Protein backbone atom coordinates (compact mmCIF):
# COMPACT_ATOMS: atom_id res chain seq x y z
CA MET A 1 0.12 -0.18 -0.18
CA THR A 2 2.54 2.45 1.22
CA ILE A 3 5.09 1.47 -2.05
CA ASP A 4 1.52 2.02 -4.20
CA ARG A 5 0.64 5.11 -2.82
CA ALA A 6 4.18 6.46 -3.11
CA ALA A 7 4.15 5.53 -6.86
CA ALA A 8 0.49 7.43 -7.22
CA LEU A 9 2.21 10.54 -5.78
CA ARG A 10 5.54 10.57 -7.73
CA ALA A 11 3.30 10.02 -11.02
CA LEU A 12 1.59 12.70 -10.00
CA HIS A 13 4.66 15.32 -10.88
CA VAL A 14 4.15 16.15 -14.59
CA PRO A 15 5.86 18.69 -15.92
CA GLY A 16 3.36 21.24 -17.45
CA GLU A 17 0.58 19.41 -15.90
CA PRO A 18 1.14 20.57 -12.06
CA LEU A 19 0.25 18.74 -8.93
CA ILE A 20 -1.60 21.46 -7.11
CA LEU A 21 -1.43 21.33 -3.46
CA PRO A 22 -3.34 23.38 -1.40
CA ASN A 23 -1.44 22.83 2.08
CA VAL A 24 -3.50 21.68 4.72
CA TRP A 25 -3.06 22.11 8.54
CA ASP A 26 -5.19 20.13 10.05
CA ALA A 27 -7.61 16.92 9.45
CA ALA A 28 -10.61 19.65 8.35
CA SER A 29 -8.73 21.51 5.90
CA ALA A 30 -7.45 18.10 4.54
CA ARG A 31 -10.80 16.69 4.46
CA ALA A 32 -11.89 20.05 2.47
CA VAL A 33 -9.29 19.72 0.09
CA ARG A 34 -9.94 15.86 -0.80
CA GLU A 35 -13.69 16.76 -0.98
CA ALA A 36 -13.01 19.33 -3.59
CA GLY A 37 -11.10 16.43 -5.77
CA PHE A 38 -7.47 16.98 -5.23
CA PRO A 39 -5.62 13.69 -5.94
CA ALA A 40 -2.94 14.34 -3.02
CA VAL A 41 -2.68 16.45 0.37
CA ALA A 42 0.28 18.27 1.52
CA THR A 43 1.00 19.92 4.81
CA GLY A 44 2.39 23.19 5.18
CA SER A 45 5.00 23.11 8.39
CA ALA A 46 4.32 26.49 9.34
CA ALA A 47 0.38 26.35 9.10
CA VAL A 48 0.64 23.09 11.34
CA ALA A 49 2.94 24.82 13.97
CA ARG A 50 0.70 27.90 14.32
CA VAL A 51 -2.26 25.17 14.80
CA LEU A 52 -0.33 23.48 17.27
CA GLY A 53 0.65 26.96 19.29
CA TYR A 54 4.39 26.86 17.99
CA ASP A 55 6.62 28.70 15.54
CA ASP A 56 7.82 27.70 12.40
CA GLY A 57 11.31 27.13 12.25
CA GLU A 58 11.24 23.41 13.79
CA GLN A 59 9.90 25.12 16.88
CA THR A 60 7.25 22.07 17.21
CA PRO A 61 7.95 18.97 19.24
CA VAL A 62 8.63 16.48 16.29
CA GLY A 63 6.24 14.11 17.88
CA GLU A 64 3.13 16.63 18.05
CA MET A 65 4.21 17.60 14.15
CA LEU A 66 4.26 13.90 13.23
CA ALA A 67 0.88 13.34 15.32
CA ALA A 68 -0.46 16.01 13.30
CA VAL A 69 0.43 14.20 10.37
CA ALA A 70 -1.09 11.06 10.95
CA ARG A 71 -4.57 12.87 11.83
CA ILE A 72 -4.41 14.13 8.27
CA THR A 73 -3.52 10.88 6.87
CA ARG A 74 -6.17 8.96 8.76
CA VAL A 75 -8.61 11.13 7.41
CA VAL A 76 -7.81 10.83 3.55
CA ASP A 77 -7.99 8.00 1.22
CA VAL A 78 -5.26 9.72 -1.15
CA PRO A 79 -1.49 10.68 -0.91
CA VAL A 80 -0.20 12.80 1.64
CA THR A 81 3.28 14.50 1.91
CA ALA A 82 4.53 15.75 4.82
CA ASP A 83 6.35 19.39 5.37
CA LEU A 84 9.34 18.36 7.92
CA GLU A 85 11.43 21.45 7.47
CA ARG A 86 14.98 19.63 7.60
CA GLY A 87 13.70 16.87 9.60
CA PHE A 88 13.41 18.22 13.11
CA GLY A 89 16.88 16.89 14.00
CA LEU A 90 16.24 13.72 13.58
CA GLU A 91 18.70 11.09 11.93
CA PRO A 92 17.83 9.83 8.12
CA ALA A 93 16.77 5.97 9.67
CA GLU A 94 14.50 7.71 12.56
CA LEU A 95 13.12 10.15 10.12
CA ALA A 96 12.01 7.68 7.43
CA GLU A 97 10.91 5.19 10.57
CA ARG A 98 8.93 7.62 12.01
CA LEU A 99 7.63 9.66 8.97
CA ALA A 100 5.94 5.92 7.50
CA ALA A 101 4.61 5.11 10.77
CA THR A 102 2.20 8.21 10.12
CA GLY A 103 0.96 6.94 6.90
CA ALA A 104 2.20 9.63 4.80
CA VAL A 105 4.07 8.94 1.66
CA GLY A 106 5.94 12.01 0.69
CA CYS A 107 8.18 14.88 2.33
CA ASN A 108 9.70 18.28 1.86
CA LEU A 109 12.86 18.65 3.21
CA GLU A 110 14.68 22.04 3.41
CA ASP A 111 18.70 23.10 2.68
CA SER A 112 18.68 25.78 5.36
CA ASP A 113 18.72 25.74 8.93
CA PRO A 114 15.66 26.43 10.14
CA ARG A 115 17.43 27.85 13.58
CA THR A 116 19.46 30.07 11.79
CA GLY A 117 18.27 30.91 8.30
CA GLU A 118 21.76 29.86 6.92
CA LEU A 119 22.18 27.50 3.66
CA VAL A 120 23.66 24.10 4.64
CA ASP A 121 26.70 23.03 2.58
CA ILE A 122 25.38 21.81 -0.84
CA ALA A 123 27.51 18.03 0.06
CA ALA A 124 26.27 18.04 3.42
CA GLN A 125 22.22 18.47 2.48
CA ALA A 126 23.00 16.04 -0.90
CA LYS A 127 24.65 13.18 1.55
CA PHE A 128 21.24 14.11 4.02
CA LEU A 129 18.85 13.62 1.49
CA ALA A 130 21.04 10.15 -0.10
CA ALA A 131 20.85 8.64 3.18
CA VAL A 132 16.94 9.52 3.47
CA ARG A 133 16.59 7.92 0.26
CA ALA A 134 18.36 4.82 1.03
CA GLU A 135 16.13 4.38 4.27
CA ALA A 136 13.08 4.81 2.87
CA GLY A 137 13.22 3.43 -0.29
CA PRO A 138 10.76 3.84 -3.19
CA GLY A 139 7.95 4.41 -0.31
CA LEU A 140 8.94 7.88 -0.13
CA VAL A 141 8.53 10.68 -2.60
CA VAL A 142 10.98 13.35 -1.56
CA ASN A 143 10.75 16.80 -2.30
CA ALA A 144 13.91 18.83 -1.76
CA ARG A 145 13.35 22.28 -0.67
CA ILE A 146 15.96 25.10 -2.11
CA ASP A 147 16.10 28.09 -0.10
CA THR A 148 18.64 30.31 -2.25
CA TYR A 149 16.13 32.61 -3.35
CA ILE A 150 14.97 33.41 0.43
CA THR A 151 18.69 33.59 1.77
CA GLY A 152 20.28 36.19 -0.09
CA ASP A 153 21.49 34.27 -3.03
CA PRO A 154 18.67 34.48 -5.63
CA GLY A 155 21.04 33.80 -8.60
CA ARG A 156 19.93 31.06 -11.21
CA ALA A 157 23.11 29.26 -11.05
CA ALA A 158 23.22 28.63 -7.47
CA ALA A 159 19.40 27.13 -7.47
CA VAL A 160 20.39 25.03 -10.71
CA THR A 161 23.34 23.35 -8.95
CA ARG A 162 21.71 22.48 -5.63
CA ALA A 163 19.29 21.26 -8.18
CA ARG A 164 21.12 18.41 -9.56
CA ALA A 165 22.77 17.60 -6.70
CA TYR A 166 19.42 16.81 -4.79
CA LEU A 167 18.16 15.06 -8.05
CA ASP A 168 21.42 13.01 -8.30
CA ALA A 169 21.21 12.16 -4.37
CA GLY A 170 17.53 10.97 -4.91
CA ALA A 171 15.05 13.07 -4.63
CA ASP A 172 12.09 13.04 -6.72
CA CYS A 173 11.26 17.03 -7.49
CA VAL A 174 13.08 20.15 -6.07
CA TYR A 175 11.35 22.90 -4.80
CA PRO A 176 13.49 26.64 -5.52
CA ILE A 177 11.04 28.31 -2.91
CA GLY A 178 10.94 31.90 -3.22
CA LEU A 179 11.22 31.65 -7.19
CA ALA A 180 8.48 34.03 -8.58
CA ASP A 181 9.56 35.73 -11.77
CA GLU A 182 8.61 33.97 -15.08
CA ARG A 183 11.47 33.84 -17.36
CA GLU A 184 13.41 33.07 -14.31
CA ILE A 185 11.05 30.16 -13.66
CA GLU A 186 10.84 28.83 -17.18
CA ALA A 187 15.02 29.22 -17.60
CA LEU A 188 14.96 27.07 -14.25
CA VAL A 189 12.78 24.37 -15.60
CA ALA A 190 14.77 24.22 -18.61
CA GLU A 191 18.34 23.50 -17.13
CA VAL A 192 16.86 21.15 -14.08
CA PRO A 193 16.46 17.75 -14.91
CA GLY A 194 13.28 16.80 -12.92
CA PRO A 195 10.19 17.97 -11.20
CA VAL A 196 9.91 21.26 -10.43
CA ASN A 197 7.50 22.56 -7.53
CA ILE A 198 6.56 26.43 -7.21
CA LEU A 199 5.12 28.26 -4.43
CA PHE A 200 1.71 30.26 -5.62
CA ARG A 201 2.03 33.52 -4.22
CA PRO A 202 1.10 37.13 -4.85
CA GLY A 203 3.28 38.05 -8.04
CA VAL A 204 3.79 34.71 -9.17
CA PRO A 205 2.48 33.67 -12.91
CA ASP A 206 -0.91 31.91 -12.82
CA LEU A 207 -1.72 28.42 -13.06
CA ALA A 208 -2.15 28.22 -16.59
CA ARG A 209 1.02 29.79 -17.06
CA LEU A 210 2.92 27.83 -14.69
CA ALA A 211 1.71 24.76 -16.45
CA GLY A 212 3.16 26.42 -19.90
CA LEU A 213 6.41 26.98 -18.15
CA GLY A 214 6.89 23.24 -17.57
CA VAL A 215 6.10 23.06 -13.83
CA ALA A 216 5.38 20.08 -12.52
CA ARG A 217 4.04 20.95 -9.12
CA VAL A 218 2.59 24.13 -7.53
CA SER A 219 2.49 24.38 -3.65
CA TYR A 220 0.34 26.95 -1.85
CA GLY A 221 2.60 27.20 1.45
CA HIS A 222 1.03 28.82 4.63
CA GLY A 223 -1.23 31.34 2.59
CA LEU A 224 -4.61 29.30 2.86
CA HIS A 225 -3.90 29.10 6.56
CA GLN A 226 -2.98 32.75 6.63
CA ALA A 227 -6.08 33.94 4.73
CA ALA A 228 -8.52 31.55 7.09
CA HIS A 229 -6.90 32.68 10.57
CA THR A 230 -7.00 36.55 9.21
CA TYR A 231 -10.67 35.82 8.29
CA ALA A 232 -11.49 34.67 11.50
CA VAL A 233 -9.60 37.26 13.40
CA GLY A 234 -11.97 39.74 11.62
CA MET A 235 -15.08 38.10 12.93
CA ILE A 236 -14.06 37.90 16.78
CA GLU A 237 -12.80 41.45 16.74
CA ALA A 238 -16.27 42.42 15.39
CA ILE A 239 -17.97 40.36 18.08
CA GLY A 240 -15.69 42.32 20.46
CA ARG A 241 -17.17 45.34 19.38
CA GLY A 242 -20.91 44.26 19.66
CA ARG A 243 -21.37 43.74 16.23
CA ASP A 244 -23.01 40.85 13.95
CA PRO A 245 -19.91 38.84 12.56
CA TYR A 246 -21.76 37.30 9.67
CA GLU A 247 -22.46 40.82 8.05
CA PRO A 248 -20.76 41.53 5.04
CA ARG A 249 -17.80 43.52 5.54
CA GLU A 250 -16.61 46.89 3.90
């Protein structure tokens, strides 16, 4: 079952026909994504952390994060991929084992230290990814996040170098988070020999254009949770002012 679900998730990464992942934060949001017809579910670490009462950046105890992932996998009948930042300090064998126990068949692993924001040495990150791949085997779809665009080195060459190294190490997809420029996306996709994931946010080309650029996966990060939370805060503030929170807002 695990290998079959991982294979199904891997097969959804098609350049030009991207897998769309509205990232979830709990079982209820996961059910909503599935009921809308999406063929896979992805968590977002920042959103899950906030729901659990922690800040992003591996501040959530790993047991709580994995328990949240397990609750999500329990309520959906499609592959689940989990955002695990840089692995919460777990060794590859323990990371693969504990993630498999949640029922998830995919994960994001980033290449910057969540506590310092500094990039991890490329060779060290490739070694880490290779070890995760060796421990997990084909039952895990690894999405290797590339943080050069958010850590002060936005040049395409650095991102492409890391992408190639991570794919060689066994990653299934690469995720240059923060890349938004249409021409840069097109050029990077052309230079990377594997599926590319783009974070959808304001300023990024629309979904049809991303497909036309050859993108294979589109994520929404913590954006949906942030929007939902902001809306809820507005309703709560309306109640505090003695207003009807269901009245249309100006």
